[in-house]
Each structure stands twice: as structure tokens, then as C-alpha cells.
Amino acid sequence: MRLFRLMVCLNMASEDFRHRIARREDLASMIALMDAAISELQKPFLDDDQIRSSRAIMGLDTQLVDDGTYFVVEHDGVLAGCGGWSRRTTMYGGDQSPGRNAALLDPATDAARIRAMYTHPDFVRRGVGRLILSLCERAAKAEGFRRADLAATMAGEPLYRACGYQPAEKFVDDRGGGPVQILMMSKTL
């Protein structure tokens, strides 16, 4: 079963997606993509207040861009998705989110963090999320991390399960004003 999940996770769409490390000049495009993803892809799971709350507790952490651990995926020059991983303590949240911690993790004992994964609504179910996740996992493993943890939204949970992540703890984050369910998930790399 685990081999099947790995095969499903690595099965990329036949479309011509290009990926690269994100740059500071990508910030405005990434923020617009994140807003579109939060606004549209969370609708089946969250009400309007929870979507507003999600914008306060999620989003772009520019530390990932500065660290060179954030990827963009493009299709014919259009931003299709973005996401990254981190060697830092913060589990999730953007620059505006309270409680961020930039302390470095120890790959020998800590799990890498999969962070801020977003697919533009026009590109869902086309392999963008799987591509970004595989890039993150490979990069984290190359730096010596043996596990990866992530904080999944309800919209992202099916992808992460399909790619071998196991649920650990479910909690509600209401720091943005409305209750947003988050599922902590983990995977051995």
C-alpha cells in the first residue's frame, strides 16, 4: 500500500510545468495566488469568517524565500502553484502571523516543515501540489532530515494522505478571529 501511495504521489500530469526556487520579485504574484487559493479552495470547508481568519493565520513567510527553500511552479509563464519547506521552527503562517520562530531545527532530531503550499484554482488536480511536495521532500532529505511535518488545511489533507502523510493531531486555530481546523501530519522521508 505504501508503494502504491508513493507511485500515486509521484505521478505527475503530462502537462509542461516548470519549477524553480522563488525569488523576491515573485512575492506579489505569489501573494495573489495564495489569496485566490484561500478564497476558492477553502469554500467547501470554511464559511466566510473562517476564510477571513485563514488569511490572517496563513500566507507567505518571506523567510522561506530568503532561505531558498520555496518553489514556484509555472505553466506557459503563468504561476500555477508555490510551496516550500523549512529548516526553521515555525510550523505554518505568513509574515503577518503571530508566534513565528526562526530558530533552526536539527535534522538529526527534528522534522523538516512543509510550508505554505498553494495551487491556483485554475490548476487544481493537475499535479502541481504533488510536484511541489516532492521537490520539498527531496530537498529536506538532501539536508539530512529524516521526517517531514506539516499543518494541513482540510482542503489539503487528501493530497497529503495520498502522498503518505499520517495524521497526528487535529486542532482549531482561532488567532485570526474565526475557528479554522488544522490537521498536523507527518511522514518519514
Protein backbone atom coordinates (compact mmCIF):
# COMPACT_ATOMS: atom_id res chain seq x y z
CA MET A 1 0.00 0.00 0.00
CA ARG A 2 2.84 2.41 0.83
CA LEU A 3 4.48 1.78 -2.56
CA PHE A 4 1.14 2.48 -4.28
CA ARG A 5 0.79 5.79 -2.40
CA LEU A 6 4.32 6.76 -3.40
CA MET A 7 3.55 5.96 -7.04
CA VAL A 8 0.31 7.99 -6.87
CA CYS A 9 2.14 10.90 -5.24
CA LEU A 10 4.90 10.95 -7.85
CA ASN A 11 2.54 10.51 -10.81
CA MET A 12 2.82 13.92 -12.43
CA ALA A 13 0.43 15.22 -15.02
CA SER A 14 1.78 15.18 -18.56
CA GLU A 15 1.49 18.96 -18.79
CA ASP A 16 4.55 21.13 -19.18
CA PHE A 17 5.15 22.51 -15.71
CA ARG A 18 8.42 24.27 -14.90
CA HIS A 19 9.71 24.79 -11.39
CA ARG A 20 12.37 26.92 -9.80
CA ILE A 21 13.34 28.48 -6.50
CA ALA A 22 11.17 31.51 -5.70
CA ARG A 23 12.70 34.97 -5.77
CA ARG A 24 11.78 38.22 -4.05
CA GLU A 25 10.44 39.57 -7.34
CA ASP A 26 7.82 36.75 -7.26
CA LEU A 27 6.28 38.00 -3.99
CA ALA A 28 3.34 39.95 -5.47
CA SER A 29 2.38 37.07 -7.79
CA MET A 30 2.66 34.51 -5.00
CA ILE A 31 0.54 36.60 -2.63
CA ALA A 32 -2.16 36.95 -5.31
CA LEU A 33 -2.09 33.20 -5.95
CA MET A 34 -2.35 32.47 -2.20
CA ASP A 35 -5.34 34.78 -1.88
CA ALA A 36 -7.09 33.08 -4.80
CA ALA A 37 -6.35 29.63 -3.36
CA ILE A 38 -7.57 30.51 0.13
CA SER A 39 -10.68 32.24 -1.25
CA GLU A 40 -11.73 29.47 -3.64
CA LEU A 41 -10.29 26.16 -2.49
CA GLN A 42 -11.36 26.53 1.15
CA LYS A 43 -15.03 27.29 0.29
CA PRO A 44 -16.21 23.67 0.62
CA PHE A 45 -14.71 23.51 4.13
CA LEU A 46 -14.96 27.00 5.65
CA ASP A 47 -17.50 29.78 5.96
CA ASP A 48 -16.70 33.42 5.08
CA ASP A 49 -15.48 34.27 8.62
CA GLN A 50 -13.16 31.26 8.64
CA ILE A 51 -11.79 32.17 5.21
CA ARG A 52 -11.01 35.69 6.51
CA SER A 53 -9.39 34.09 9.55
CA SER A 54 -7.32 31.84 7.27
CA ARG A 55 -5.83 34.89 5.58
CA ALA A 56 -4.61 36.10 8.99
CA ILE A 57 -3.02 32.81 10.07
CA MET A 58 -1.73 31.57 6.69
CA GLY A 59 0.15 33.09 3.80
CA LEU A 60 3.66 33.82 2.65
CA ASP A 61 6.58 33.62 5.05
CA THR A 62 9.32 35.53 3.21
CA GLN A 63 11.91 33.76 5.38
CA LEU A 64 11.33 30.70 3.15
CA VAL A 65 12.10 32.74 0.04
CA ASP A 66 15.21 34.23 1.67
CA ASP A 67 16.33 30.74 2.77
CA GLY A 68 15.98 29.40 -0.79
CA THR A 69 13.52 26.71 0.32
CA TYR A 70 10.44 27.98 -1.51
CA PHE A 71 9.45 26.87 -5.01
CA VAL A 72 7.24 28.24 -7.75
CA VAL A 73 5.65 26.16 -10.48
CA GLU A 74 4.76 27.80 -13.77
CA HIS A 75 2.83 26.71 -16.84
CA ASP A 76 3.41 28.73 -20.02
CA GLY A 77 4.74 31.61 -17.92
CA VAL A 78 1.74 31.64 -15.56
CA LEU A 79 2.18 30.94 -11.86
CA ALA A 80 0.35 27.65 -11.17
CA GLY A 81 1.49 26.99 -7.62
CA CYS A 82 4.01 27.65 -4.90
CA GLY A 83 5.18 25.99 -1.73
CA GLY A 84 8.20 25.13 0.27
CA TRP A 85 9.84 23.56 3.22
CA SER A 86 11.73 24.93 6.16
CA ARG A 87 14.61 24.12 8.42
CA ARG A 88 13.15 26.56 10.96
CA THR A 89 10.85 26.02 13.94
CA THR A 90 7.72 27.83 12.67
CA MET A 91 5.16 25.24 11.56
CA TYR A 92 2.87 27.46 9.49
CA GLY A 93 1.82 31.06 8.97
CA GLY A 94 2.83 34.09 6.98
CA ASP A 95 4.82 37.19 7.79
CA GLN A 96 1.75 38.68 9.49
CA SER A 97 1.06 35.61 11.67
CA PRO A 98 1.79 35.82 15.39
CA GLY A 99 4.11 33.35 17.10
CA ARG A 100 6.70 32.80 14.38
CA ASN A 101 10.06 31.35 15.43
CA ALA A 102 13.08 31.44 13.10
CA ALA A 103 15.24 29.12 15.25
CA LEU A 104 16.95 26.43 13.20
CA LEU A 105 15.91 22.79 13.51
CA ASP A 106 18.34 19.90 13.98
CA PRO A 107 17.95 17.42 11.10
CA ALA A 108 19.17 14.59 13.34
CA THR A 109 16.29 15.01 15.80
CA ASP A 110 13.68 17.35 14.28
CA ALA A 111 11.34 17.06 11.33
CA ALA A 112 11.55 19.46 8.41
CA ARG A 113 8.49 21.65 7.95
CA ILE A 114 6.46 21.52 4.75
CA ARG A 115 5.10 25.06 4.45
CA ALA A 116 2.75 27.36 2.57
CA MET A 117 1.63 25.07 -0.25
CA TYR A 118 -0.82 26.73 -2.64
CA THR A 119 -2.19 25.84 -6.06
CA HIS A 120 -4.03 28.38 -8.17
CA PRO A 121 -7.68 27.31 -8.57
CA ASP A 122 -7.20 27.12 -12.37
CA PHE A 123 -4.54 24.41 -11.89
CA VAL A 124 -6.00 22.07 -9.26
CA ARG A 125 -5.90 18.32 -9.87
CA ARG A 126 -3.13 18.67 -12.44
CA GLY A 127 -0.12 17.53 -10.38
CA VAL A 128 1.09 20.92 -9.17
CA GLY A 129 0.77 20.14 -5.45
CA ARG A 130 2.40 16.73 -5.88
CA LEU A 131 5.30 18.29 -7.78
CA ILE A 132 5.90 20.91 -5.10
CA LEU A 133 5.63 18.35 -2.30
CA SER A 134 8.14 16.03 -3.97
CA LEU A 135 10.59 18.92 -4.50
CA CYS A 136 10.29 19.85 -0.81
CA GLU A 137 10.76 16.30 0.41
CA ARG A 138 13.82 15.71 -1.75
CA ALA A 139 15.43 18.99 -0.68
CA ALA A 140 14.78 18.34 3.02
CA LYS A 141 16.12 14.79 2.75
CA ALA A 142 19.25 16.09 0.98
CA GLU A 143 19.87 18.30 4.04
CA GLY A 144 19.70 15.31 6.36
CA PHE A 145 16.08 15.48 7.56
CA ARG A 146 14.51 12.05 8.05
CA ARG A 147 10.95 13.24 8.69
CA ALA A 148 8.66 15.98 7.48
CA ASP A 149 5.77 17.54 9.40
CA LEU A 150 3.07 19.81 8.07
CA ALA A 151 -0.06 21.61 9.19
CA ALA A 152 -2.79 20.68 6.71
CA THR A 153 -5.95 22.56 5.92
CA MET A 154 -8.99 20.42 5.28
CA ALA A 155 -8.62 21.18 1.55
CA GLY A 156 -5.02 19.93 1.54
CA GLU A 157 -5.50 16.80 3.64
CA PRO A 158 -6.42 14.43 0.76
CA LEU A 159 -3.23 15.27 -1.16
CA TYR A 160 -1.03 14.76 1.87
CA ARG A 161 -2.70 11.44 2.74
CA ALA A 162 -2.25 10.26 -0.87
CA CYS A 163 1.45 11.13 -0.59
CA GLY A 164 1.96 9.10 2.59
CA TYR A 165 1.46 11.66 5.37
CA GLN A 166 -0.17 10.30 8.50
CA PRO A 167 -2.49 12.36 10.73
CA ALA A 168 -1.12 13.21 14.16
CA GLU A 169 -3.25 15.86 15.88
CA LYS A 170 -6.25 17.97 14.91
CA PHE A 171 -6.76 21.39 16.50
CA VAL A 172 -8.51 24.69 15.90
CA ASP A 173 -6.58 27.91 15.28
CA ASP A 174 -8.74 30.94 16.05
CA ARG A 175 -5.99 33.58 16.15
CA GLY A 176 -7.46 35.16 13.01
CA GLY A 177 -10.88 35.67 14.59
CA GLY A 178 -12.68 32.54 13.38
CA PRO A 179 -12.06 28.86 14.13
CA VAL A 180 -10.01 27.12 11.42
CA GLN A 181 -9.36 23.38 11.70
CA ILE A 182 -5.74 22.33 11.20
CA LEU A 183 -4.50 18.75 11.00
CA MET A 184 -0.90 18.06 11.93
CA MET A 185 0.55 15.34 9.70
CA SER A 186 3.91 13.59 9.47
CA LYS A 187 5.88 11.40 7.10
CA THR A 188 9.16 9.54 7.19
CA LEU A 189 11.34 10.64 4.27
